[in-house]
PDB file of N, CA and C in Angstrom:
ATOM      1  N   MET A   1       0.800  -1.195   0.000  1.00  0.00           N
ATOM      2  CA  MET A   1       0.000   0.000   0.000  1.00  0.00           C
ATOM      3  C   MET A   1       0.854   1.277   0.000  1.00  0.00           C
ATOM      4  N   PRO A   2       1.973   1.336   0.713  1.00  0.00           N
ATOM      5  CA  PRO A   2       2.785   2.553   0.670  1.00  0.00           C
ATOM      6  C   PRO A   2       3.248   2.937  -0.736  1.00  0.00           C
ATOM      7  N   PRO A   3       3.657   1.993  -1.599  1.00  0.00           N
ATOM      8  CA  PRO A   3       4.058   2.434  -2.947  1.00  0.00           C
ATOM      9  C   PRO A   3       2.911   3.105  -3.712  1.00  0.00           C
ATOM     10  N   MET A   4       1.700   2.614  -3.512  1.00  0.00           N
ATOM     11  CA  MET A   4       0.552   3.227  -4.186  1.00  0.00           C
ATOM     12  C   MET A   4       0.323   4.644  -3.665  1.00  0.00           C
ATOM     13  N   THR A   5       0.451   4.839  -2.367  1.00  0.00           N
ATOM     14  CA  THR A   5       0.288   6.166  -1.785  1.00  0.00           C
ATOM     15  C   THR A   5       1.371   7.107  -2.301  1.00  0.00           C
ATOM     16  N   MET A   6       2.605   6.629  -2.372  1.00  0.00           N
ATOM     17  CA  MET A   6       3.694   7.460  -2.882  1.00  0.00           C
ATOM     18  C   MET A   6       3.457   7.825  -4.345  1.00  0.00           C
ATOM     19  N   PHE A   7       2.949   6.888  -5.120  1.00  0.00           N
ATOM     20  CA  PHE A   7       2.646   7.150  -6.526  1.00  0.00           C
ATOM     21  C   PHE A   7       1.565   8.223  -6.651  1.00  0.00           C
ATOM     22  N   MET A   8       0.525   8.117  -5.831  1.00  0.00           N
ATOM     23  CA  MET A   8      -0.566   9.090  -5.882  1.00  0.00           C
ATOM     24  C   MET A   8      -0.086  10.483  -5.480  1.00  0.00           C
ATOM     25  N   VAL A   9       0.726  10.568  -4.445  1.00  0.00           N
ATOM     26  CA  VAL A   9       1.242  11.863  -4.008  1.00  0.00           C
ATOM     27  C   VAL A   9       2.106  12.477  -5.097  1.00  0.00           C
ATOM     28  N   LYS A  10       2.947  11.677  -5.721  1.00  0.00           N
ATOM     29  CA  LYS A  10       3.854  12.183  -6.756  1.00  0.00           C
ATOM     30  C   LYS A  10       3.085  12.739  -7.951  1.00  0.00           C
ATOM     31  N   HIS A  11       2.010  12.074  -8.341  1.00  0.00           N
ATOM     32  CA  HIS A  11       1.321  12.460  -9.562  1.00  0.00           C
ATOM     33  C   HIS A  11       0.119  13.374  -9.344  1.00  0.00           C
ATOM     34  N   LEU A  12      -0.428  13.419  -8.147  1.00  0.00           N
ATOM     35  CA  LEU A  12      -1.630  14.218  -7.927  1.00  0.00           C
ATOM     36  C   LEU A  12      -1.392  15.506  -7.147  1.00  0.00           C
ATOM     37  N   SER A  13      -0.261  15.607  -6.456  1.00  0.00           N
ATOM     38  CA  SER A  13      -0.035  16.807  -5.651  1.00  0.00           C
ATOM     39  C   SER A  13       0.403  17.967  -6.538  1.00  0.00           C
ATOM     40  N   PRO A  14       0.022  19.189  -6.150  1.00  0.00           N
ATOM     41  CA  PRO A  14       0.421  20.354  -6.961  1.00  0.00           C
ATOM     42  C   PRO A  14       1.929  20.594  -6.830  1.00  0.00           C
ATOM     43  N   ARG A  15       2.541  20.963  -7.930  1.00  0.00           N
ATOM     44  CA  ARG A  15       3.979  21.231  -7.962  1.00  0.00           C
ATOM     45  C   ARG A  15       4.209  22.648  -8.463  1.00  0.00           C
ATOM     46  N   SER A  16       5.168  23.312  -7.878  1.00  0.00           N
ATOM     47  CA  SER A  16       5.540  24.650  -8.319  1.00  0.00           C
ATOM     48  C   SER A  16       6.777  24.555  -9.192  1.00  0.00           C
ATOM     49  N   LYS A  17       6.724  25.178 -10.337  1.00  0.00           N
ATOM     50  CA  LYS A  17       7.869  25.147 -11.259  1.00  0.00           C
ATOM     51  C   LYS A  17       8.648  26.457 -11.233  1.00  0.00           C
ATOM     52  N   ALA A  18       8.383  27.299 -10.244  1.00  0.00           N
ATOM     53  CA  ALA A  18       9.055  28.593 -10.160  1.00  0.00           C
ATOM     54  C   ALA A  18      10.534  28.389  -9.835  1.00  0.00           C
ATOM     55  N   ALA A  19      11.367  29.297 -10.329  1.00  0.00           N
ATOM     56  CA  ALA A  19      12.813  29.196 -10.109  1.00  0.00           C
ATOM     57  C   ALA A  19      13.170  29.353  -8.633  1.00  0.00           C
ATOM     58  N   GLY A  20      12.389  30.163  -7.916  1.00  0.00           N
ATOM     59  CA  GLY A  20      12.660  30.365  -6.496  1.00  0.00           C
ATOM     60  C   GLY A  20      12.460  29.115  -5.664  1.00  0.00           C
ATOM     61  N   LYS A  21      11.687  28.174  -6.168  1.00  0.00           N
ATOM     62  CA  LYS A  21      11.423  26.929  -5.440  1.00  0.00           C
ATOM     63  C   LYS A  21      12.682  26.062  -5.343  1.00  0.00           C
ATOM     64  N   TYR A  22      13.589  26.219  -6.290  1.00  0.00           N
ATOM     65  CA  TYR A  22      14.776  25.375  -6.330  1.00  0.00           C
ATOM     66  C   TYR A  22      16.001  26.034  -5.694  1.00  0.00           C
ATOM     67  N   THR A  23      15.825  27.171  -5.072  1.00  0.00           N
ATOM     68  CA  THR A  23      16.942  27.799  -4.377  1.00  0.00           C
ATOM     69  C   THR A  23      17.110  27.168  -3.003  1.00  0.00           C
ATOM     70  N   THR A  24      18.201  27.500  -2.360  1.00  0.00           N
ATOM     71  CA  THR A  24      18.483  26.909  -1.054  1.00  0.00           C
ATOM     72  C   THR A  24      17.449  27.316  -0.017  1.00  0.00           C
ATOM     73  N   TYR A  25      17.110  28.592   0.009  1.00  0.00           N
ATOM     74  CA  TYR A  25      16.139  29.086   0.974  1.00  0.00           C
ATOM     75  C   TYR A  25      14.928  29.613   0.212  1.00  0.00           C
ATOM     76  N   GLU A  26      13.762  29.068   0.477  1.00  0.00           N
ATOM     77  CA  GLU A  26      12.556  29.488  -0.215  1.00  0.00           C
ATOM     78  C   GLU A  26      12.085  30.863   0.238  1.00  0.00           C
ATOM     79  N   SER A  27      12.671  31.400   1.298  1.00  0.00           N
ATOM     80  CA  SER A  27      12.231  32.692   1.809  1.00  0.00           C
ATOM     81  C   SER A  27      12.696  33.851   0.943  1.00  0.00           C
ATOM     82  N   GLY A  28      13.560  33.587   0.009  1.00  0.00           N
ATOM     83  CA  GLY A  28      14.061  34.645  -0.859  1.00  0.00           C
ATOM     84  C   GLY A  28      15.434  35.137  -0.469  1.00  0.00           C
ATOM     85  N   SER A  29      15.974  34.657   0.640  1.00  0.00           N
ATOM     86  CA  SER A  29      17.320  35.061   1.041  1.00  0.00           C
ATOM     87  C   SER A  29      18.341  34.448   0.095  1.00  0.00           C
ATOM     88  N   VAL A  30      19.276  35.242  -0.323  1.00  0.00           N
ATOM     89  CA  VAL A  30      20.330  34.758  -1.214  1.00  0.00           C
ATOM     90  C   VAL A  30      21.452  34.186  -0.351  1.00  0.00           C
ATOM     91  N   PRO A  31      21.807  32.924  -0.553  1.00  0.00           N
ATOM     92  CA  PRO A  31      22.885  32.342   0.246  1.00  0.00           C
ATOM     93  C   PRO A  31      24.228  32.966  -0.098  1.00  0.00           C
ATOM     94  N   THR A  32      25.039  33.187   0.915  1.00  0.00           N
ATOM     95  CA  THR A  32      26.378  33.729   0.709  1.00  0.00           C
ATOM     96  C   THR A  32      27.395  32.697   1.169  1.00  0.00           C
ATOM     97  N   GLY A  33      28.450  32.552   0.432  1.00  0.00           N
ATOM     98  CA  GLY A  33      29.498  31.609   0.812  1.00  0.00           C
ATOM     99  C   GLY A  33      29.111  30.182   0.457  1.00  0.00           C
ATOM    100  N   THR A  34      29.915  29.269   0.915  1.00  0.00           N
ATOM    101  CA  THR A  34      29.691  27.856   0.629  1.00  0.00           C
ATOM    102  C   THR A  34      28.968  27.189   1.805  1.00  0.00           C
ATOM    103  N   ALA A  35      28.238  26.152   1.509  1.00  0.00           N
ATOM    104  CA  ALA A  35      27.538  25.410   2.557  1.00  0.00           C
ATOM    105  C   ALA A  35      28.436  24.355   3.193  1.00  0.00           C
ATOM    106  N   ARG A  36      29.584  24.150   2.612  1.00  0.00           N
ATOM    107  CA  ARG A  36      30.495  23.121   3.112  1.00  0.00           C
ATOM    108  C   ARG A  36      31.492  23.742   4.092  1.00  0.00           C
ATOM    109  N   ILE A  37      31.142  23.673   5.362  1.00  0.00           N
ATOM    110  CA  ILE A  37      32.064  24.131   6.394  1.00  0.00           C
ATOM    111  C   ILE A  37      32.436  22.933   7.257  1.00  0.00           C
ATOM    112  N   GLN A  38      33.605  22.953   7.809  1.00  0.00           N
ATOM    113  CA  GLN A  38      34.067  21.832   8.618  1.00  0.00           C
ATOM    114  C   GLN A  38      33.809  22.132  10.089  1.00  0.00           C
ATOM    115  N   PHE A  39      33.193  21.155  10.748  1.00  0.00           N
ATOM    116  CA  PHE A  39      32.971  21.252  12.180  1.00  0.00           C
ATOM    117  C   PHE A  39      34.050  20.456  12.896  1.00  0.00           C
ATOM    118  N   ASN A  40      34.395  20.929  14.071  1.00  0.00           N
ATOM    119  CA  ASN A  40      35.347  20.208  14.895  1.00  0.00           C
ATOM    120  C   ASN A  40      34.688  18.928  15.401  1.00  0.00           C
ATOM    121  N   VAL A  41      35.398  17.826  15.356  1.00  0.00           N
ATOM    122  CA  VAL A  41      34.843  16.541  15.764  1.00  0.00           C
ATOM    123  C   VAL A  41      34.507  16.525  17.262  1.00  0.00           C
ATOM    124  N   GLU A  42      35.111  17.416  18.031  1.00  0.00           N
ATOM    125  CA  GLU A  42      34.827  17.469  19.470  1.00  0.00           C
ATOM    126  C   GLU A  42      33.368  17.822  19.736  1.00  0.00           C
ATOM    127  N   TYR A  43      32.767  18.627  18.889  1.00  0.00           N
ATOM    128  CA  TYR A  43      31.363  18.968  19.064  1.00  0.00           C
ATOM    129  C   TYR A  43      30.489  17.736  18.879  1.00  0.00           C
ATOM    130  N   TYR A  44      30.846  16.900  17.919  1.00  0.00           N
ATOM    131  CA  TYR A  44      30.114  15.669  17.677  1.00  0.00           C
ATOM    132  C   TYR A  44      30.225  14.732  18.881  1.00  0.00           C
ATOM    133  N   LEU A  45      31.421  14.577  19.418  1.00  0.00           N
ATOM    134  CA  LEU A  45      31.614  13.705  20.587  1.00  0.00           C
ATOM    135  C   LEU A  45      30.851  14.228  21.797  1.00  0.00           C
ATOM    136  N   TYR A  46      30.846  15.538  21.953  1.00  0.00           N
ATOM    137  CA  TYR A  46      30.113  16.149  23.056  1.00  0.00           C
ATOM    138  C   TYR A  46      28.616  15.869  22.916  1.00  0.00           C
ATOM    139  N   ALA A  47      28.104  15.972  21.694  1.00  0.00           N
ATOM    140  CA  ALA A  47      26.682  15.723  21.456  1.00  0.00           C
ATOM    141  C   ALA A  47      26.335  14.262  21.700  1.00  0.00           C
ATOM    142  N   ILE A  48      27.184  13.344  21.270  1.00  0.00           N
ATOM    143  CA  ILE A  48      26.934  11.925  21.483  1.00  0.00           C
ATOM    144  C   ILE A  48      26.941  11.603  22.981  1.00  0.00           C
ATOM    145  N   ALA A  49      27.883  12.164  23.718  1.00  0.00           N
ATOM    146  CA  ALA A  49      27.923  11.937  25.170  1.00  0.00           C
ATOM    147  C   ALA A  49      26.661  12.472  25.822  1.00  0.00           C
ATOM    148  N   PHE A  50      26.187  13.626  25.384  1.00  0.00           N
ATOM    149  CA  PHE A  50      24.958  14.183  25.942  1.00  0.00           C
ATOM    150  C   PHE A  50      23.773  13.260  25.676  1.00  0.00           C
ATOM    151  N   VAL A  51      23.660  12.758  24.461  1.00  0.00           N
ATOM    152  CA  VAL A  51      22.544  11.877  24.118  1.00  0.00           C
ATOM    153  C   VAL A  51      22.605  10.594  24.938  1.00  0.00           C
ATOM    154  N   ILE A  52      23.782  10.030  25.090  1.00  0.00           N
ATOM    155  CA  ILE A  52      23.915   8.786  25.862  1.00  0.00           C
ATOM    156  C   ILE A  52      23.473   9.001  27.306  1.00  0.00           C
ATOM    157  N   PHE A  53      23.948  10.060  27.946  1.00  0.00           N
ATOM    158  CA  PHE A  53      23.589  10.281  29.340  1.00  0.00           C
ATOM    159  C   PHE A  53      22.136  10.720  29.478  1.00  0.00           C
ATOM    160  N   ASP A  54      21.605  11.387  28.477  1.00  0.00           N
ATOM    161  CA  ASP A  54      20.204  11.772  28.507  1.00  0.00           C
ATOM    162  C   ASP A  54      19.310  10.538  28.442  1.00  0.00           C
ATOM    163  N   VAL A  55      19.662   9.569  27.604  1.00  0.00           N
ATOM    164  CA  VAL A  55      18.891   8.325  27.510  1.00  0.00           C
ATOM    165  C   VAL A  55      19.009   7.535  28.806  1.00  0.00           C
ATOM    166  N   GLU A  56      20.159   7.557  29.423  1.00  0.00           N
ATOM    167  CA  GLU A  56      20.328   6.840  30.689  1.00  0.00           C
ATOM    168  C   GLU A  56      19.397   7.409  31.756  1.00  0.00           C
ATOM    169  N   VAL A  57      19.239   8.712  31.790  1.00  0.00           N
ATOM    170  CA  VAL A  57      18.337   9.326  32.763  1.00  0.00           C
ATOM    171  C   VAL A  57      16.894   8.931  32.464  1.00  0.00           C
ATOM    172  N   LEU A  58      16.566   8.758  31.192  1.00  0.00           N
ATOM    173  CA  LEU A  58      15.223   8.303  30.846  1.00  0.00           C
ATOM    174  C   LEU A  58      14.947   6.902  31.381  1.00  0.00           C
ATOM    175  N   PHE A  59      15.965   6.095  31.504  1.00  0.00           N
ATOM    176  CA  PHE A  59      15.788   4.770  32.090  1.00  0.00           C
ATOM    177  C   PHE A  59      15.560   4.849  33.596  1.00  0.00           C
ATOM    178  N   LEU A  60      16.065   5.883  34.238  1.00  0.00           N
ATOM    179  CA  LEU A  60      15.896   6.020  35.683  1.00  0.00           C
ATOM    180  C   LEU A  60      14.476   6.444  36.060  1.00  0.00           C
ATOM    181  N   TYR A  61      13.841   7.253  35.242  1.00  0.00           N
ATOM    182  CA  TYR A  61      12.533   7.804  35.603  1.00  0.00           C
ATOM    183  C   TYR A  61      11.464   6.733  35.836  1.00  0.00           C
ATOM    184  N   PRO A  62      11.276   5.760  34.944  1.00  0.00           N
ATOM    185  CA  PRO A  62      10.251   4.734  35.228  1.00  0.00           C
ATOM    186  C   PRO A  62      10.572   3.928  36.479  1.00  0.00           C
ATOM    187  N   TRP A  63      11.847   3.691  36.711  1.00  0.00           N
ATOM    188  CA  TRP A  63      12.216   2.912  37.889  1.00  0.00           C
ATOM    189  C   TRP A  63      11.825   3.658  39.164  1.00  0.00           C
ATOM    190  N   VAL A  64      12.045   4.961  39.188  1.00  0.00           N
ATOM    191  CA  VAL A  64      11.720   5.761  40.365  1.00  0.00           C
ATOM    192  C   VAL A  64      10.219   5.783  40.594  1.00  0.00           C
ATOM    193  N   THR A  65       9.437   5.914  39.535  1.00  0.00           N
ATOM    194  CA  THR A  65       7.985   5.950  39.712  1.00  0.00           C
ATOM    195  C   THR A  65       7.459   4.609  40.217  1.00  0.00           C
ATOM    196  N   VAL A  66       7.998   3.506  39.735  1.00  0.00           N
ATOM    197  CA  VAL A  66       7.573   2.188  40.219  1.00  0.00           C
ATOM    198  C   VAL A  66       8.031   1.991  41.656  1.00  0.00           C
ATOM    199  N   TYR A  67       9.250   2.427  41.952  1.00  0.00           N
ATOM    200  CA  TYR A  67       9.786   2.279  43.302  1.00  0.00           C
ATOM    201  C   TYR A  67       8.955   3.074  44.302  1.00  0.00           C
ATOM    202  N   LYS A  68       8.515   4.246  43.888  1.00  0.00           N
ATOM    203  CA  LYS A  68       7.736   5.100  44.781  1.00  0.00           C
ATOM    204  C   LYS A  68       6.333   4.545  45.011  1.00  0.00           C
ATOM    205  N   GLY A  69       5.751   3.933  43.987  1.00  0.00           N
ATOM    206  CA  GLY A  69       4.379   3.463  44.088  1.00  0.00           C
ATOM    207  C   GLY A  69       4.236   2.071  44.682  1.00  0.00           C
ATOM    208  N   HIS A  70       5.179   1.189  44.438  1.00  0.00           N
ATOM    209  CA  HIS A  70       5.080  -0.207  44.872  1.00  0.00           C
ATOM    210  C   HIS A  70       6.334  -0.585  45.638  1.00  0.00           C
ATOM    211  N   GLY A  71       6.240  -1.667  46.327  1.00  0.00           N
ATOM    212  CA  GLY A  71       7.425  -2.152  47.031  1.00  0.00           C
ATOM    213  C   GLY A  71       8.352  -2.872  46.068  1.00  0.00           C
ATOM    214  N   ILE A  72       9.605  -2.513  46.063  1.00  0.00           N
ATOM    215  CA  ILE A  72      10.586  -3.172  45.195  1.00  0.00           C
ATOM    216  C   ILE A  72      11.597  -3.879  46.089  1.00  0.00           C
ATOM    217  N   THR A  73      11.996  -5.043  45.659  1.00  0.00           N
ATOM    218  CA  THR A  73      12.913  -5.855  46.459  1.00  0.00           C
ATOM    219  C   THR A  73      14.303  -5.232  46.481  1.00  0.00           C
ATOM    220  N   SER A  74      15.106  -5.732  47.378  1.00  0.00           N
ATOM    221  CA  SER A  74      16.470  -5.202  47.509  1.00  0.00           C
ATOM    222  C   SER A  74      17.319  -5.559  46.300  1.00  0.00           C
ATOM    223  N   ILE A  75      16.987  -6.617  45.580  1.00  0.00           N
ATOM    224  CA  ILE A  75      17.752  -6.974  44.374  1.00  0.00           C
ATOM    225  C   ILE A  75      17.586  -5.890  43.314  1.00  0.00           C
ATOM    226  N   ALA A  76      16.381  -5.348  43.185  1.00  0.00           N
ATOM    227  CA  ALA A  76      16.148  -4.275  42.213  1.00  0.00           C
ATOM    228  C   ALA A  76      16.935  -3.025  42.593  1.00  0.00           C
ATOM    229  N   VAL A  77      17.035  -2.743  43.885  1.00  0.00           N
ATOM    230  CA  VAL A  77      17.802  -1.583  44.330  1.00  0.00           C
ATOM    231  C   VAL A  77      19.288  -1.787  44.027  1.00  0.00           C
ATOM    232  N   ILE A  78      19.784  -2.987  44.251  1.00  0.00           N
ATOM    233  CA  ILE A  78      21.188  -3.295  43.950  1.00  0.00           C
ATOM    234  C   ILE A  78      21.433  -3.175  42.449  1.00  0.00           C
ATOM    235  N   GLU A  79      20.503  -3.663  41.645  1.00  0.00           N
ATOM    236  CA  GLU A  79      20.658  -3.540  40.197  1.00  0.00           C
ATOM    237  C   GLU A  79      20.674  -2.072  39.766  1.00  0.00           C
ATOM    238  N   MET A  80      19.854  -1.246  40.396  1.00  0.00           N
ATOM    239  CA  MET A  80      19.830   0.166  40.031  1.00  0.00           C
ATOM    240  C   MET A  80      21.123   0.851  40.455  1.00  0.00           C
ATOM    241  N   PHE A  81      21.656   0.498  41.624  1.00  0.00           N
ATOM    242  CA  PHE A  81      22.943   1.061  42.024  1.00  0.00           C
ATOM    243  C   PHE A  81      24.043   0.628  41.062  1.00  0.00           C
ATOM    244  N   LEU A  82      23.989  -0.607  40.573  1.00  0.00           N
ATOM    245  CA  LEU A  82      24.956  -1.065  39.581  1.00  0.00           C
ATOM    246  C   LEU A  82      24.809  -0.261  38.286  1.00  0.00           C
ATOM    247  N   PHE A  83      23.584   0.002  37.871  1.00  0.00           N
ATOM    248  CA  PHE A  83      23.316   0.808  36.681  1.00  0.00           C
ATOM    249  C   PHE A  83      23.883   2.215  36.843  1.00  0.00           C
ATOM    250  N   VAL A  84      23.645   2.829  37.989  1.00  0.00           N
ATOM    251  CA  VAL A  84      24.153   4.180  38.245  1.00  0.00           C
ATOM    252  C   VAL A  84      25.685   4.161  38.318  1.00  0.00           C
ATOM    253  N   PHE A  85      26.259   3.106  38.869  1.00  0.00           N
ATOM    254  CA  PHE A  85      27.715   2.987  38.933  1.00  0.00           C
ATOM    255  C   PHE A  85      28.319   2.944  37.531  1.00  0.00           C
ATOM    256  N   VAL A  86      27.723   2.147  36.643  1.00  0.00           N
ATOM    257  CA  VAL A  86      28.214   2.071  35.264  1.00  0.00           C
ATOM    258  C   VAL A  86      28.075   3.430  34.588  1.00  0.00           C
ATOM    259  N   LEU A  87      26.984   4.111  34.861  1.00  0.00           N
ATOM    260  CA  LEU A  87      26.767   5.440  34.302  1.00  0.00           C
ATOM    261  C   LEU A  87      27.831   6.424  34.801  1.00  0.00           C
ATOM    262  N   LEU A  88      28.108   6.403  36.089  1.00  0.00           N
ATOM    263  CA  LEU A  88      29.133   7.284  36.647  1.00  0.00           C
ATOM    264  C   LEU A  88      30.530   6.914  36.148  1.00  0.00           C
ATOM    265  N   PHE A  89      30.784   5.623  35.971  1.00  0.00           N
ATOM    266  CA  PHE A  89      32.065   5.191  35.428  1.00  0.00           C
ATOM    267  C   PHE A  89      32.262   5.753  34.019  1.00  0.00           C
ATOM    268  N   GLY A  90      31.223   5.706  33.193  1.00  0.00           N
ATOM    269  CA  GLY A  90      31.306   6.274  31.850  1.00  0.00           C
ATOM    270  C   GLY A  90      31.520   7.769  31.882  1.00  0.00           C
ATOM    271  N   TYR A  91      30.849   8.455  32.808  1.00  0.00           N
ATOM    272  CA  TYR A  91      31.014   9.901  32.947  1.00  0.00           C
ATOM    273  C   TYR A  91      32.446  10.260  33.355  1.00  0.00           C
ATOM    274  N   ILE A  92      32.984   9.537  34.325  1.00  0.00           N
ATOM    275  CA  ILE A  92      34.352   9.792  34.780  1.00  0.00           C
ATOM    276  C   ILE A  92      35.347   9.484  33.666  1.00  0.00           C
ATOM    277  N   TYR A  93      35.097   8.424  32.904  1.00  0.00           N
ATOM    278  CA  TYR A  93      35.973   8.094  31.774  1.00  0.00           C
ATOM    279  C   TYR A  93      35.994   9.227  30.750  1.00  0.00           C
ATOM    280  N   LEU A  94      34.812   9.737  30.406  1.00  0.00           N
ATOM    281  CA  LEU A  94      34.755  10.856  29.458  1.00  0.00           C
ATOM    282  C   LEU A  94      35.448  12.091  30.019  1.00  0.00           C
ATOM    283  N   TRP A  95      35.285  12.321  31.302  1.00  0.00           N
ATOM    284  CA  TRP A  95      35.899  13.488  31.933  1.00  0.00           C
ATOM    285  C   TRP A  95      37.422  13.375  31.897  1.00  0.00           C
ATOM    286  N   LYS A  96      37.945  12.189  32.243  1.00  0.00           N
ATOM    287  CA  LYS A  96      39.396  11.984  32.253  1.00  0.00           C
ATOM    288  C   LYS A  96      39.994  12.079  30.850  1.00  0.00           C
ATOM    289  N   LYS A  97      39.259  11.616  29.836  1.00  0.00           N
ATOM    290  CA  LYS A  97      39.738  11.676  28.459  1.00  0.00           C
ATOM    291  C   LYS A  97      39.644  13.079  27.876  1.00  0.00           C
ATOM    292  N   GLY A  98      38.946  13.985  28.572  1.00  0.00           N
ATOM    293  CA  GLY A  98      38.817  15.352  28.092  1.00  0.00           C
ATOM    294  C   GLY A  98      37.718  15.544  27.068  1.00  0.00           C
ATOM    295  N   ALA A  99      36.813  14.571  26.969  1.00  0.00           N
ATOM    296  CA  ALA A  99      35.737  14.670  25.973  1.00  0.00           C
ATOM    297  C   ALA A  99      34.675  15.674  26.382  1.00  0.00           C
ATOM    298  N   LEU A 100      34.653  16.101  27.629  1.00  0.00           N
ATOM    299  CA  LEU A 100      33.639  17.032  28.083  1.00  0.00           C
ATOM    300  C   LEU A 100      34.105  18.482  28.079  1.00  0.00           C
ATOM    301  N   THR A 101      35.345  18.711  27.696  1.00  0.00           N
ATOM    302  CA  THR A 101      35.801  20.100  27.547  1.00  0.00           C
ATOM    303  C   THR A 101      35.346  20.620  26.200  1.00  0.00           C
ATOM    304  N   TRP A 102      34.873  21.839  26.164  1.00  0.00           N
ATOM    305  CA  TRP A 102      34.267  22.363  24.958  1.00  0.00           C
ATOM    306  C   TRP A 102      35.273  22.539  23.830  1.00  0.00           C
ATOM    307  N   VAL A 103      36.379  23.246  24.068  1.00  0.00           N
ATOM    308  CA  VAL A 103      37.417  23.427  23.057  1.00  0.00           C
ATOM    309  C   VAL A 103      38.756  23.250  23.750  1.00  0.00           C
ATOM    310  N   LYS A 104      39.596  22.432  23.125  1.00  0.00           N
ATOM    311  CA  LYS A 104      40.921  22.183  23.720  1.00  0.00           C
ATOM    312  C   LYS A 104      41.921  23.167  23.192  1.00  0.00           C
TER     313      LYS A 104
END
């Protein structure tokens, strides 16, 4: 079914043939310079570290809500402390490697 929908959209949707439609910015702004600029790889590593730790915190939230509402055994608490330990170990590793400094 998706190929049929894609076919219908391609052939039935209105298309604009104006020259301004094919420019980089449809707002009418004229681009200056080149679009190919090089970013420092440190920014990428910083972003990846942020995403990893952000996802880890998302794993903590459901556990806290269940822990607060129901009784959880001591094994679950030990597992959560192990999870937090691994998280802190990763944070300390990144800190020692200098991955959390903005510009070296």
